[in-house]
Amino acid sequence: MNTRKLSTHVLNTSTGKAASNIKVTVYRLNESQEWIAIKPAKTNTDGRCQLLEQANFTSGIYKLTFQVGSYFAEQNIKTFYPAIDIIVDCCEAQSYHIPLLISPFGYSTYRGT
């Protein structure tokens, strides 16, 4: 049986290291087109974060909000992005891994495995 889950991994491309202790909040878009907060989480020392497991992960549109401003502030680094939102359509019954590559003045994301 295939386990359905949503996870992320944050890497700081300016240092080449995992970005730990970043607050990530998962939201789901409801029928009224409103974002409903589902779960707050934080990246671990490896920059990884398990966001949703099978029981509370259904098909739909999700938003992941990464609070990167406080991550850079802890390192005394100025950033252009206080927060980064990634919106994804999880319409298939499978697992989704959403990596985020960050630097103080840019970011990139993709659908991982």
PDB file of N, CA and C in Angstrom:
ATOM      1  N   MET A   1       0.843  -1.188   0.000  1.00  0.00           N
ATOM      2  CA  MET A   1       0.000   0.000   0.000  1.00  0.00           C
ATOM      3  C   MET A   1       0.883   1.244   0.000  1.00  0.00           C
ATOM      4  N   ASN A   2       0.558   2.211  -0.834  1.00  0.00           N
ATOM      5  CA  ASN A   2       1.331   3.425  -0.970  1.00  0.00           C
ATOM      6  C   ASN A   2       0.905   4.438   0.097  1.00  0.00           C
ATOM      7  N   THR A   3       1.842   4.920   0.911  1.00  0.00           N
ATOM      8  CA  THR A   3       1.539   5.901   1.939  1.00  0.00           C
ATOM      9  C   THR A   3       1.569   7.289   1.328  1.00  0.00           C
ATOM     10  N   ARG A   4       0.527   8.045   1.564  1.00  0.00           N
ATOM     11  CA  ARG A   4       0.401   9.402   1.034  1.00  0.00           C
ATOM     12  C   ARG A   4       0.900  10.380   2.093  1.00  0.00           C
ATOM     13  N   LYS A   5       1.829  11.272   1.700  1.00  0.00           N
ATOM     14  CA  LYS A   5       2.348  12.259   2.642  1.00  0.00           C
ATOM     15  C   LYS A   5       2.830  13.504   1.909  1.00  0.00           C
ATOM     16  N   LEU A   6       3.027  14.562   2.663  1.00  0.00           N
ATOM     17  CA  LEU A   6       3.553  15.822   2.161  1.00  0.00           C
ATOM     18  C   LEU A   6       4.764  16.176   3.013  1.00  0.00           C
ATOM     19  N   SER A   7       5.890  16.445   2.354  1.00  0.00           N
ATOM     20  CA  SER A   7       7.126  16.760   3.084  1.00  0.00           C
ATOM     21  C   SER A   7       7.894  17.851   2.345  1.00  0.00           C
ATOM     22  N   THR A   8       8.887  18.403   3.031  1.00  0.00           N
ATOM     23  CA  THR A   8       9.721  19.447   2.438  1.00  0.00           C
ATOM     24  C   THR A   8      11.158  19.295   2.912  1.00  0.00           C
ATOM     25  N   HIS A   9      12.047  20.008   2.244  1.00  0.00           N
ATOM     26  CA  HIS A   9      13.474  20.016   2.570  1.00  0.00           C
ATOM     27  C   HIS A   9      13.984  21.393   2.164  1.00  0.00           C
ATOM     28  N   VAL A  10      14.619  22.120   3.084  1.00  0.00           N
ATOM     29  CA  VAL A  10      15.097  23.466   2.795  1.00  0.00           C
ATOM     30  C   VAL A  10      16.627  23.477   2.840  1.00  0.00           C
ATOM     31  N   LEU A  11      17.214  23.978   1.755  1.00  0.00           N
ATOM     32  CA  LEU A  11      18.666  24.080   1.662  1.00  0.00           C
ATOM     33  C   LEU A  11      19.056  25.526   1.413  1.00  0.00           C
ATOM     34  N   ASN A  12      20.092  25.991   2.107  1.00  0.00           N
ATOM     35  CA  ASN A  12      20.610  27.338   1.927  1.00  0.00           C
ATOM     36  C   ASN A  12      21.714  27.255   0.871  1.00  0.00           C
ATOM     37  N   THR A  13      21.437  27.749  -0.323  1.00  0.00           N
ATOM     38  CA  THR A  13      22.410  27.624  -1.414  1.00  0.00           C
ATOM     39  C   THR A  13      23.593  28.579  -1.252  1.00  0.00           C
ATOM     40  N   SER A  14      23.469  29.594  -0.409  1.00  0.00           N
ATOM     41  CA  SER A  14      24.592  30.512  -0.201  1.00  0.00           C
ATOM     42  C   SER A  14      25.651  29.923   0.730  1.00  0.00           C
ATOM     43  N   THR A  15      25.264  28.935   1.532  1.00  0.00           N
ATOM     44  CA  THR A  15      26.230  28.272   2.423  1.00  0.00           C
ATOM     45  C   THR A  15      26.454  26.806   2.037  1.00  0.00           C
ATOM     46  N   GLY A  16      25.537  26.259   1.226  1.00  0.00           N
ATOM     47  CA  GLY A  16      25.634  24.849   0.864  1.00  0.00           C
ATOM     48  C   GLY A  16      25.216  23.920   1.990  1.00  0.00           C
ATOM     49  N   LYS A  17      24.435  24.438   2.940  1.00  0.00           N
ATOM     50  CA  LYS A  17      24.033  23.638   4.102  1.00  0.00           C
ATOM     51  C   LYS A  17      22.517  23.593   4.238  1.00  0.00           C
ATOM     52  N   ALA A  18      22.066  22.606   5.003  1.00  0.00           N
ATOM     53  CA  ALA A  18      20.640  22.498   5.307  1.00  0.00           C
ATOM     54  C   ALA A  18      20.201  23.695   6.142  1.00  0.00           C
ATOM     55  N   ALA A  19      18.966  24.133   5.941  1.00  0.00           N
ATOM     56  CA  ALA A  19      18.417  25.264   6.683  1.00  0.00           C
ATOM     57  C   ALA A  19      17.514  24.724   7.786  1.00  0.00           C
ATOM     58  N   SER A  20      18.026  24.731   8.994  1.00  0.00           N
ATOM     59  CA  SER A  20      17.277  24.179  10.127  1.00  0.00           C
ATOM     60  C   SER A  20      16.488  25.256  10.860  1.00  0.00           C
ATOM     61  N   ASN A  21      15.484  24.797  11.590  1.00  0.00           N
ATOM     62  CA  ASN A  21      14.686  25.652  12.469  1.00  0.00           C
ATOM     63  C   ASN A  21      13.871  26.711  11.718  1.00  0.00           C
ATOM     64  N   ILE A  22      13.459  26.403  10.495  1.00  0.00           N
ATOM     65  CA  ILE A  22      12.588  27.313   9.748  1.00  0.00           C
ATOM     66  C   ILE A  22      11.146  26.904  10.006  1.00  0.00           C
ATOM     67  N   LYS A  23      10.335  27.859  10.415  1.00  0.00           N
ATOM     68  CA  LYS A  23       8.911  27.596  10.645  1.00  0.00           C
ATOM     69  C   LYS A  23       8.209  27.476   9.292  1.00  0.00           C
ATOM     70  N   VAL A  24       7.441  26.392   9.153  1.00  0.00           N
ATOM     71  CA  VAL A  24       6.662  26.133   7.937  1.00  0.00           C
ATOM     72  C   VAL A  24       5.215  25.910   8.368  1.00  0.00           C
ATOM     73  N   THR A  25       4.291  26.623   7.737  1.00  0.00           N
ATOM     74  CA  THR A  25       2.879  26.414   8.018  1.00  0.00           C
ATOM     75  C   THR A  25       2.201  25.912   6.754  1.00  0.00           C
ATOM     76  N   VAL A  26       1.395  24.865   6.908  1.00  0.00           N
ATOM     77  CA  VAL A  26       0.646  24.292   5.789  1.00  0.00           C
ATOM     78  C   VAL A  26      -0.789  24.796   5.860  1.00  0.00           C
ATOM     79  N   TYR A  27      -1.292  25.286   4.725  1.00  0.00           N
ATOM     80  CA  TYR A  27      -2.672  25.740   4.591  1.00  0.00           C
ATOM     81  C   TYR A  27      -3.345  24.923   3.479  1.00  0.00           C
ATOM     82  N   ARG A  28      -4.655  24.809   3.557  1.00  0.00           N
ATOM     83  CA  ARG A  28      -5.432  24.161   2.500  1.00  0.00           C
ATOM     84  C   ARG A  28      -6.496  25.133   2.037  1.00  0.00           C
ATOM     85  N   LEU A  29      -6.707  25.222   0.730  1.00  0.00           N
ATOM     86  CA  LEU A  29      -7.726  26.086   0.161  1.00  0.00           C
ATOM     87  C   LEU A  29      -9.081  25.379   0.259  1.00  0.00           C
ATOM     88  N   ASN A  30     -10.047  26.025   0.922  1.00  0.00           N
ATOM     89  CA  ASN A  30     -11.362  25.388   1.080  1.00  0.00           C
ATOM     90  C   ASN A  30     -12.298  25.774  -0.072  1.00  0.00           C
ATOM     91  N   GLU A  31     -13.544  25.291  -0.027  1.00  0.00           N
ATOM     92  CA  GLU A  31     -14.517  25.538  -1.092  1.00  0.00           C
ATOM     93  C   GLU A  31     -14.852  27.019  -1.233  1.00  0.00           C
ATOM     94  N   SER A  32     -14.689  27.802  -0.166  1.00  0.00           N
ATOM     95  CA  SER A  32     -14.961  29.247  -0.198  1.00  0.00           C
ATOM     96  C   SER A  32     -13.755  30.051  -0.658  1.00  0.00           C
ATOM     97  N   GLN A  33     -12.720  29.342  -1.136  1.00  0.00           N
ATOM     98  CA  GLN A  33     -11.482  29.980  -1.606  1.00  0.00           C
ATOM     99  C   GLN A  33     -10.763  30.740  -0.493  1.00  0.00           C
ATOM    100  N   GLU A  34     -10.796  30.176   0.717  1.00  0.00           N
ATOM    101  CA  GLU A  34     -10.095  30.736   1.870  1.00  0.00           C
ATOM    102  C   GLU A  34      -9.010  29.757   2.298  1.00  0.00           C
ATOM    103  N   TRP A  35      -7.877  30.297   2.722  1.00  0.00           N
ATOM    104  CA  TRP A  35      -6.789  29.457   3.223  1.00  0.00           C
ATOM    105  C   TRP A  35      -7.049  29.094   4.678  1.00  0.00           C
ATOM    106  N   ILE A  36      -7.065  27.803   4.972  1.00  0.00           N
ATOM    107  CA  ILE A  36      -7.272  27.305   6.327  1.00  0.00           C
ATOM    108  C   ILE A  36      -5.952  26.692   6.806  1.00  0.00           C
ATOM    109  N   ALA A  37      -5.428  27.221   7.914  1.00  0.00           N
ATOM    110  CA  ALA A  37      -4.184  26.673   8.471  1.00  0.00           C
ATOM    111  C   ALA A  37      -4.425  25.257   8.967  1.00  0.00           C
ATOM    112  N   ILE A  38      -3.557  24.343   8.572  1.00  0.00           N
ATOM    113  CA  ILE A  38      -3.698  22.941   8.963  1.00  0.00           C
ATOM    114  C   ILE A  38      -2.664  22.537   9.998  1.00  0.00           C
ATOM    115  N   LYS A  39      -1.409  22.915   9.746  1.00  0.00           N
ATOM    116  CA  LYS A  39      -0.361  22.440  10.645  1.00  0.00           C
ATOM    117  C   LYS A  39       0.864  23.344  10.600  1.00  0.00           C
ATOM    118  N   PRO A  40       1.355  23.760  11.783  1.00  0.00           N
ATOM    119  CA  PRO A  40       2.658  24.426  11.845  1.00  0.00           C
ATOM    120  C   PRO A  40       3.739  23.363  12.084  1.00  0.00           C
ATOM    121  N   ALA A  41       4.931  23.620  11.583  1.00  0.00           N
ATOM    122  CA  ALA A  41       6.051  22.692  11.769  1.00  0.00           C
ATOM    123  C   ALA A  41       7.352  23.483  11.679  1.00  0.00           C
ATOM    124  N   LYS A  42       8.470  22.802  11.945  1.00  0.00           N
ATOM    125  CA  LYS A  42       9.801  23.403  11.805  1.00  0.00           C
ATOM    126  C   LYS A  42      10.725  22.402  11.155  1.00  0.00           C
ATOM    127  N   THR A  43      11.661  22.918  10.355  1.00  0.00           N
ATOM    128  CA  THR A  43      12.643  22.026   9.749  1.00  0.00           C
ATOM    129  C   THR A  43      13.618  21.531  10.818  1.00  0.00           C
ATOM    130  N   ASN A  44      14.062  20.291  10.663  1.00  0.00           N
ATOM    131  CA  ASN A  44      15.001  19.712  11.623  1.00  0.00           C
ATOM    132  C   ASN A  44      16.436  20.109  11.276  1.00  0.00           C
ATOM    133  N   THR A  45      17.417  19.528  11.940  1.00  0.00           N
ATOM    134  CA  THR A  45      18.821  19.892  11.710  1.00  0.00           C
ATOM    135  C   THR A  45      19.298  19.561  10.304  1.00  0.00           C
ATOM    136  N   ASP A  46      18.591  18.668   9.625  1.00  0.00           N
ATOM    137  CA  ASP A  46      18.916  18.309   8.244  1.00  0.00           C
ATOM    138  C   ASP A  46      18.083  19.131   7.252  1.00  0.00           C
ATOM    139  N   GLY A  47      17.315  20.106   7.748  1.00  0.00           N
ATOM    140  CA  GLY A  47      16.493  20.950   6.893  1.00  0.00           C
ATOM    141  C   GLY A  47      15.219  20.289   6.412  1.00  0.00           C
ATOM    142  N   ARG A  48      14.906  19.119   6.959  1.00  0.00           N
ATOM    143  CA  ARG A  48      13.731  18.354   6.508  1.00  0.00           C
ATOM    144  C   ARG A  48      12.550  18.541   7.460  1.00  0.00           C
ATOM    145  N   CYS A  49      11.369  18.314   6.896  1.00  0.00           N
ATOM    146  CA  CYS A  49      10.161  18.484   7.683  1.00  0.00           C
ATOM    147  C   CYS A  49       9.046  17.628   7.096  1.00  0.00           C
ATOM    148  N   GLN A  50       8.489  16.776   7.926  1.00  0.00           N
ATOM    149  CA  GLN A  50       7.317  15.993   7.540  1.00  0.00           C
ATOM    150  C   GLN A  50       6.101  16.859   7.842  1.00  0.00           C
ATOM    151  N   LEU A  51       5.297  17.163   6.842  1.00  0.00           N
ATOM    152  CA  LEU A  51       4.198  18.101   7.033  1.00  0.00           C
ATOM    153  C   LEU A  51       2.850  17.428   7.259  1.00  0.00           C
ATOM    154  N   LEU A  52       2.456  16.530   6.380  1.00  0.00           N
ATOM    155  CA  LEU A  52       1.165  15.862   6.512  1.00  0.00           C
ATOM    156  C   LEU A  52       1.315  14.376   6.245  1.00  0.00           C
ATOM    157  N   GLU A  53       0.574  13.586   6.998  1.00  0.00           N
ATOM    158  CA  GLU A  53       0.536  12.129   6.813  1.00  0.00           C
ATOM    159  C   GLU A  53      -0.788  11.752   6.156  1.00  0.00           C
ATOM    160  N   GLN A  54      -0.915  10.520   5.787  1.00  0.00           N
ATOM    161  CA  GLN A  54      -2.065   9.999   5.065  1.00  0.00           C
ATOM    162  C   GLN A  54      -3.409  10.394   5.675  1.00  0.00           C
ATOM    163  N   ALA A  55      -3.541  10.320   6.983  1.00  0.00           N
ATOM    164  CA  ALA A  55      -4.835  10.553   7.641  1.00  0.00           C
ATOM    165  C   ALA A  55      -5.383  11.963   7.416  1.00  0.00           C
ATOM    166  N   ASN A  56      -4.519  12.975   7.316  1.00  0.00           N
ATOM    167  CA  ASN A  56      -5.010  14.344   7.156  1.00  0.00           C
ATOM    168  C   ASN A  56      -4.500  15.005   5.873  1.00  0.00           C
ATOM    169  N   PHE A  57      -4.205  14.183   4.869  1.00  0.00           N
ATOM    170  CA  PHE A  57      -3.721  14.703   3.588  1.00  0.00           C
ATOM    171  C   PHE A  57      -4.616  14.192   2.464  1.00  0.00           C
ATOM    172  N   THR A  58      -5.512  15.058   2.004  1.00  0.00           N
ATOM    173  CA  THR A  58      -6.434  14.717   0.929  1.00  0.00           C
ATOM    174  C   THR A  58      -6.091  15.545  -0.304  1.00  0.00           C
ATOM    175  N   SER A  59      -6.650  15.188  -1.425  1.00  0.00           N
ATOM    176  CA  SER A  59      -6.429  15.963  -2.653  1.00  0.00           C
ATOM    177  C   SER A  59      -6.913  17.390  -2.452  1.00  0.00           C
ATOM    178  N   GLY A  60      -6.194  18.341  -3.040  1.00  0.00           N
ATOM    179  CA  GLY A  60      -6.582  19.739  -2.932  1.00  0.00           C
ATOM    180  C   GLY A  60      -5.424  20.666  -3.203  1.00  0.00           C
ATOM    181  N   ILE A  61      -5.668  21.944  -3.029  1.00  0.00           N
ATOM    182  CA  ILE A  61      -4.635  22.961  -3.228  1.00  0.00           C
ATOM    183  C   ILE A  61      -4.099  23.363  -1.862  1.00  0.00           C
ATOM    184  N   TYR A  62      -2.775  23.310  -1.736  1.00  0.00           N
ATOM    185  CA  TYR A  62      -2.104  23.591  -0.477  1.00  0.00           C
ATOM    186  C   TYR A  62      -1.125  24.752  -0.650  1.00  0.00           C
ATOM    187  N   LYS A  63      -0.926  25.470   0.440  1.00  0.00           N
ATOM    188  CA  LYS A  63       0.076  26.533   0.484  1.00  0.00           C
ATOM    189  C   LYS A  63       1.033  26.230   1.626  1.00  0.00           C
ATOM    190  N   LEU A  64       2.316  26.262   1.323  1.00  0.00           N
ATOM    191  CA  LEU A  64       3.356  26.107   2.338  1.00  0.00           C
ATOM    192  C   LEU A  64       3.992  27.480   2.523  1.00  0.00           C
ATOM    193  N   THR A  65       3.950  28.012   3.740  1.00  0.00           N
ATOM    194  CA  THR A  65       4.556  29.307   4.041  1.00  0.00           C
ATOM    195  C   THR A  65       5.805  29.074   4.880  1.00  0.00           C
ATOM    196  N   PHE A  66       6.946  29.485   4.335  1.00  0.00           N
ATOM    197  CA  PHE A  66       8.245  29.324   4.987  1.00  0.00           C
ATOM    198  C   PHE A  66       8.666  30.678   5.567  1.00  0.00           C
ATOM    199  N   GLN A  67       8.884  30.752   6.866  1.00  0.00           N
ATOM    200  CA  GLN A  67       9.299  31.990   7.532  1.00  0.00           C
ATOM    201  C   GLN A  67      10.830  32.097   7.475  1.00  0.00           C
ATOM    202  N   VAL A  68      11.360  32.487   6.316  1.00  0.00           N
ATOM    203  CA  VAL A  68      12.813  32.520   6.129  1.00  0.00           C
ATOM    204  C   VAL A  68      13.449  33.788   6.695  1.00  0.00           C
ATOM    205  N   GLY A  69      12.654  34.828   6.918  1.00  0.00           N
ATOM    206  CA  GLY A  69      13.199  36.070   7.467  1.00  0.00           C
ATOM    207  C   GLY A  69      13.852  35.868   8.814  1.00  0.00           C
ATOM    208  N   SER A  70      13.192  35.134   9.703  1.00  0.00           N
ATOM    209  CA  SER A  70      13.761  34.898  11.031  1.00  0.00           C
ATOM    210  C   SER A  70      14.982  33.980  10.960  1.00  0.00           C
ATOM    211  N   TYR A  71      14.990  33.050   9.994  1.00  0.00           N
ATOM    212  CA  TYR A  71      16.153  32.174   9.799  1.00  0.00           C
ATOM    213  C   TYR A  71      17.394  33.006   9.453  1.00  0.00           C
ATOM    214  N   PHE A  72      17.253  33.919   8.500  1.00  0.00           N
ATOM    215  CA  PHE A  72      18.393  34.759   8.123  1.00  0.00           C
ATOM    216  C   PHE A  72      18.743  35.763   9.219  1.00  0.00           C
ATOM    217  N   ALA A  73      17.746  36.297   9.925  1.00  0.00           N
ATOM    218  CA  ALA A  73      17.999  37.249  11.006  1.00  0.00           C
ATOM    219  C   ALA A  73      18.836  36.621  12.117  1.00  0.00           C
ATOM    220  N   GLU A  74      18.589  35.344  12.425  1.00  0.00           N
ATOM    221  CA  GLU A  74      19.385  34.641  13.444  1.00  0.00           C
ATOM    222  C   GLU A  74      20.861  34.581  13.067  1.00  0.00           C
ATOM    223  N   GLN A  75      21.149  34.651  11.773  1.00  0.00           N
ATOM    224  CA  GLN A  75      22.524  34.617  11.287  1.00  0.00           C
ATOM    225  C   GLN A  75      23.058  36.019  10.988  1.00  0.00           C
ATOM    226  N   ASN A  76      22.262  37.031  11.353  1.00  0.00           N
ATOM    227  CA  ASN A  76      22.616  38.429  11.113  1.00  0.00           C
ATOM    228  C   ASN A  76      22.821  38.706   9.621  1.00  0.00           C
ATOM    229  N   ILE A  77      21.937  38.124   8.796  1.00  0.00           N
ATOM    230  CA  ILE A  77      21.982  38.301   7.344  1.00  0.00           C
ATOM    231  C   ILE A  77      20.678  38.954   6.907  1.00  0.00           C
ATOM    232  N   LYS A  78      20.792  40.025   6.150  1.00  0.00           N
ATOM    233  CA  LYS A  78      19.616  40.712   5.617  1.00  0.00           C
ATOM    234  C   LYS A  78      19.083  39.917   4.421  1.00  0.00           C
ATOM    235  N   THR A  79      17.761  39.792   4.361  1.00  0.00           N
ATOM    236  CA  THR A  79      17.126  39.077   3.257  1.00  0.00           C
ATOM    237  C   THR A  79      16.028  39.920   2.632  1.00  0.00           C
ATOM    238  N   PHE A  80      15.784  39.694   1.374  1.00  0.00           N
ATOM    239  CA  PHE A  80      14.718  40.373   0.644  1.00  0.00           C
ATOM    240  C   PHE A  80      13.365  39.727   0.923  1.00  0.00           C
ATOM    241  N   TYR A  81      13.362  38.449   1.314  1.00  0.00           N
ATOM    242  CA  TYR A  81      12.137  37.680   1.495  1.00  0.00           C
ATOM    243  C   TYR A  81      11.896  37.356   2.973  1.00  0.00           C
ATOM    244  N   PRO A  82      10.945  38.008   3.631  1.00  0.00           N
ATOM    245  CA  PRO A  82      10.635  37.644   5.015  1.00  0.00           C
ATOM    246  C   PRO A  82       9.908  36.296   5.086  1.00  0.00           C
ATOM    247  N   ALA A  83       9.151  35.975   4.037  1.00  0.00           N
ATOM    248  CA  ALA A  83       8.433  34.703   3.978  1.00  0.00           C
ATOM    249  C   ALA A  83       8.315  34.290   2.512  1.00  0.00           C
ATOM    250  N   ILE A  84       8.227  32.988   2.295  1.00  0.00           N
ATOM    251  CA  ILE A  84       8.065  32.449   0.948  1.00  0.00           C
ATOM    252  C   ILE A  84       6.851  31.532   0.951  1.00  0.00           C
ATOM    253  N   ASP A  85       5.920  31.793   0.036  1.00  0.00           N
ATOM    254  CA  ASP A  85       4.744  30.947  -0.134  1.00  0.00           C
ATOM    255  C   ASP A  85       4.920  30.076  -1.373  1.00  0.00           C
ATOM    256  N   ILE A  86       4.641  28.801  -1.225  1.00  0.00           N
ATOM    257  CA  ILE A  86       4.622  27.884  -2.363  1.00  0.00           C
ATOM    258  C   ILE A  86       3.231  27.272  -2.403  1.00  0.00           C
ATOM    259  N   ILE A  87       2.553  27.433  -3.520  1.00  0.00           N
ATOM    260  CA  ILE A  87       1.205  26.906  -3.681  1.00  0.00           C
ATOM    261  C   ILE A  87       1.253  25.750  -4.670  1.00  0.00           C
ATOM    262  N   VAL A  88       0.696  24.610  -4.247  1.00  0.00           N
ATOM    263  CA  VAL A  88       0.751  23.400  -5.071  1.00  0.00           C
ATOM    264  C   VAL A  88      -0.624  22.744  -5.158  1.00  0.00           C
ATOM    265  N   ASP A  89      -0.858  22.061  -6.265  1.00  0.00           N
ATOM    266  CA  ASP A  89      -2.103  21.329  -6.484  1.00  0.00           C
ATOM    267  C   ASP A  89      -1.800  19.846  -6.316  1.00  0.00           C
ATOM    268  N   CYS A  90      -2.176  19.293  -5.194  1.00  0.00           N
ATOM    269  CA  CYS A  90      -1.934  17.878  -4.880  1.00  0.00           C
ATOM    270  C   CYS A  90      -3.197  17.103  -5.240  1.00  0.00           C
ATOM    271  N   CYS A  91      -3.352  16.823  -6.527  1.00  0.00           N
ATOM    272  CA  CYS A  91      -4.598  16.241  -7.015  1.00  0.00           C
ATOM    273  C   CYS A  91      -4.548  14.725  -7.159  1.00  0.00           C
ATOM    274  N   GLU A  92      -3.371  14.140  -7.087  1.00  0.00           N
ATOM    275  CA  GLU A  92      -3.248  12.694  -7.246  1.00  0.00           C
ATOM    276  C   GLU A  92      -2.992  12.033  -5.899  1.00  0.00           C
ATOM    277  N   ALA A  93      -3.438  10.818  -5.756  1.00  0.00           N
ATOM    278  CA  ALA A  93      -3.271  10.069  -4.506  1.00  0.00           C
ATOM    279  C   ALA A  93      -1.856   9.510  -4.428  1.00  0.00           C
ATOM    280  N   GLN A  94      -0.921  10.356  -4.039  1.00  0.00           N
ATOM    281  CA  GLN A  94       0.473   9.953  -3.903  1.00  0.00           C
ATOM    282  C   GLN A  94       1.189  10.889  -2.945  1.00  0.00           C
ATOM    283  N   SER A  95       2.461  10.640  -2.719  1.00  0.00           N
ATOM    284  CA  SER A  95       3.253  11.500  -1.846  1.00  0.00           C
ATOM    285  C   SER A  95       3.829  12.663  -2.646  1.00  0.00           C
ATOM    286  N   TYR A  96       3.991  13.789  -1.948  1.00  0.00           N
ATOM    287  CA  TYR A  96       4.571  14.979  -2.554  1.00  0.00           C
ATOM    288  C   TYR A  96       5.718  15.466  -1.666  1.00  0.00           C
ATOM    289  N   HIS A  97       6.868  15.725  -2.291  1.00  0.00           N
ATOM    290  CA  HIS A  97       8.025  16.280  -1.583  1.00  0.00           C
ATOM    291  C   HIS A  97       8.353  17.594  -2.283  1.00  0.00           C
ATOM    292  N   ILE A  98       8.356  18.695  -1.522  1.00  0.00           N
ATOM    293  CA  ILE A  98       8.544  20.028  -2.085  1.00  0.00           C
ATOM    294  C   ILE A  98       9.826  20.647  -1.521  1.00  0.00           C
ATOM    295  N   PRO A  99      10.963  20.484  -2.184  1.00  0.00           N
ATOM    296  CA  PRO A  99      12.197  21.120  -1.716  1.00  0.00           C
ATOM    297  C   PRO A  99      12.183  22.626  -1.992  1.00  0.00           C
ATOM    298  N   LEU A 100      12.876  23.364  -1.139  1.00  0.00           N
ATOM    299  CA  LEU A 100      13.035  24.804  -1.296  1.00  0.00           C
ATOM    300  C   LEU A 100      14.518  25.134  -1.164  1.00  0.00           C
ATOM    301  N   LEU A 101      15.056  25.796  -2.181  1.00  0.00           N
ATOM    302  CA  LEU A 101      16.449  26.250  -2.161  1.00  0.00           C
ATOM    303  C   LEU A 101      16.421  27.749  -1.921  1.00  0.00           C
ATOM    304  N   ILE A 102      17.111  28.207  -0.873  1.00  0.00           N
ATOM    305  CA  ILE A 102      17.041  29.624  -0.515  1.00  0.00           C
ATOM    306  C   ILE A 102      18.419  30.267  -0.482  1.00  0.00           C
ATOM    307  N   SER A 103      18.419  31.573  -0.678  1.00  0.00           N
ATOM    308  CA  SER A 103      19.563  32.430  -0.420  1.00  0.00           C
ATOM    309  C   SER A 103      18.954  33.760   0.024  1.00  0.00           C
ATOM    310  N   PRO A 104      19.731  34.693   0.522  1.00  0.00           N
ATOM    311  CA  PRO A 104      19.132  35.931   1.018  1.00  0.00           C
ATOM    312  C   PRO A 104      18.335  36.725  -0.024  1.00  0.00           C
ATOM    313  N   PHE A 105      18.668  36.568  -1.313  1.00  0.00           N
ATOM    314  CA  PHE A 105      18.012  37.378  -2.332  1.00  0.00           C
ATOM    315  C   PHE A 105      17.426  36.563  -3.482  1.00  0.00           C
ATOM    316  N   GLY A 106      17.141  35.293  -3.224  1.00  0.00           N
ATOM    317  CA  GLY A 106      16.512  34.466  -4.244  1.00  0.00           C
ATOM    318  C   GLY A 106      16.090  33.130  -3.685  1.00  0.00           C
ATOM    319  N   TYR A 107      15.227  32.447  -4.424  1.00  0.00           N
ATOM    320  CA  TYR A 107      14.814  31.099  -4.034  1.00  0.00           C
ATOM    321  C   TYR A 107      14.342  30.337  -5.250  1.00  0.00           C
ATOM    322  N   SER A 108      14.311  29.006  -5.103  1.00  0.00           N
ATOM    323  CA  SER A 108      13.856  28.118  -6.160  1.00  0.00           C
ATOM    324  C   SER A 108      13.186  26.915  -5.510  1.00  0.00           C
ATOM    325  N   THR A 109      12.236  26.322  -6.218  1.00  0.00           N
ATOM    326  CA  THR A 109      11.553  25.152  -5.702  1.00  0.00           C
ATOM    327  C   THR A 109      11.242  24.212  -6.860  1.00  0.00           C
ATOM    328  N   TYR A 110      10.939  22.988  -6.541  1.00  0.00           N
ATOM    329  CA  TYR A 110      10.587  22.002  -7.553  1.00  0.00           C
ATOM    330  C   TYR A 110       9.849  20.852  -6.874  1.00  0.00           C
ATOM    331  N   ARG A 111       9.277  19.991  -7.682  1.00  0.00           N
ATOM    332  CA  ARG A 111       8.626  18.799  -7.131  1.00  0.00           C
ATOM    333  C   ARG A 111       9.660  17.682  -7.053  1.00  0.00           C
ATOM    334  N   GLY A 112       9.952  17.267  -5.833  1.00  0.00           N
ATOM    335  CA  GLY A 112      10.932  16.204  -5.615  1.00  0.00           C
ATOM    336  C   GLY A 112      10.264  14.854  -5.473  1.00  0.00           C
ATOM    337  N   THR A 113      11.070  13.895  -5.087  1.00  0.00           N
ATOM    338  CA  THR A 113      10.551  12.532  -4.909  1.00  0.00           C
ATOM    339  C   THR A 113      10.740  12.074  -3.483  1.00  0.00           C
TER     340      THR A 113
END
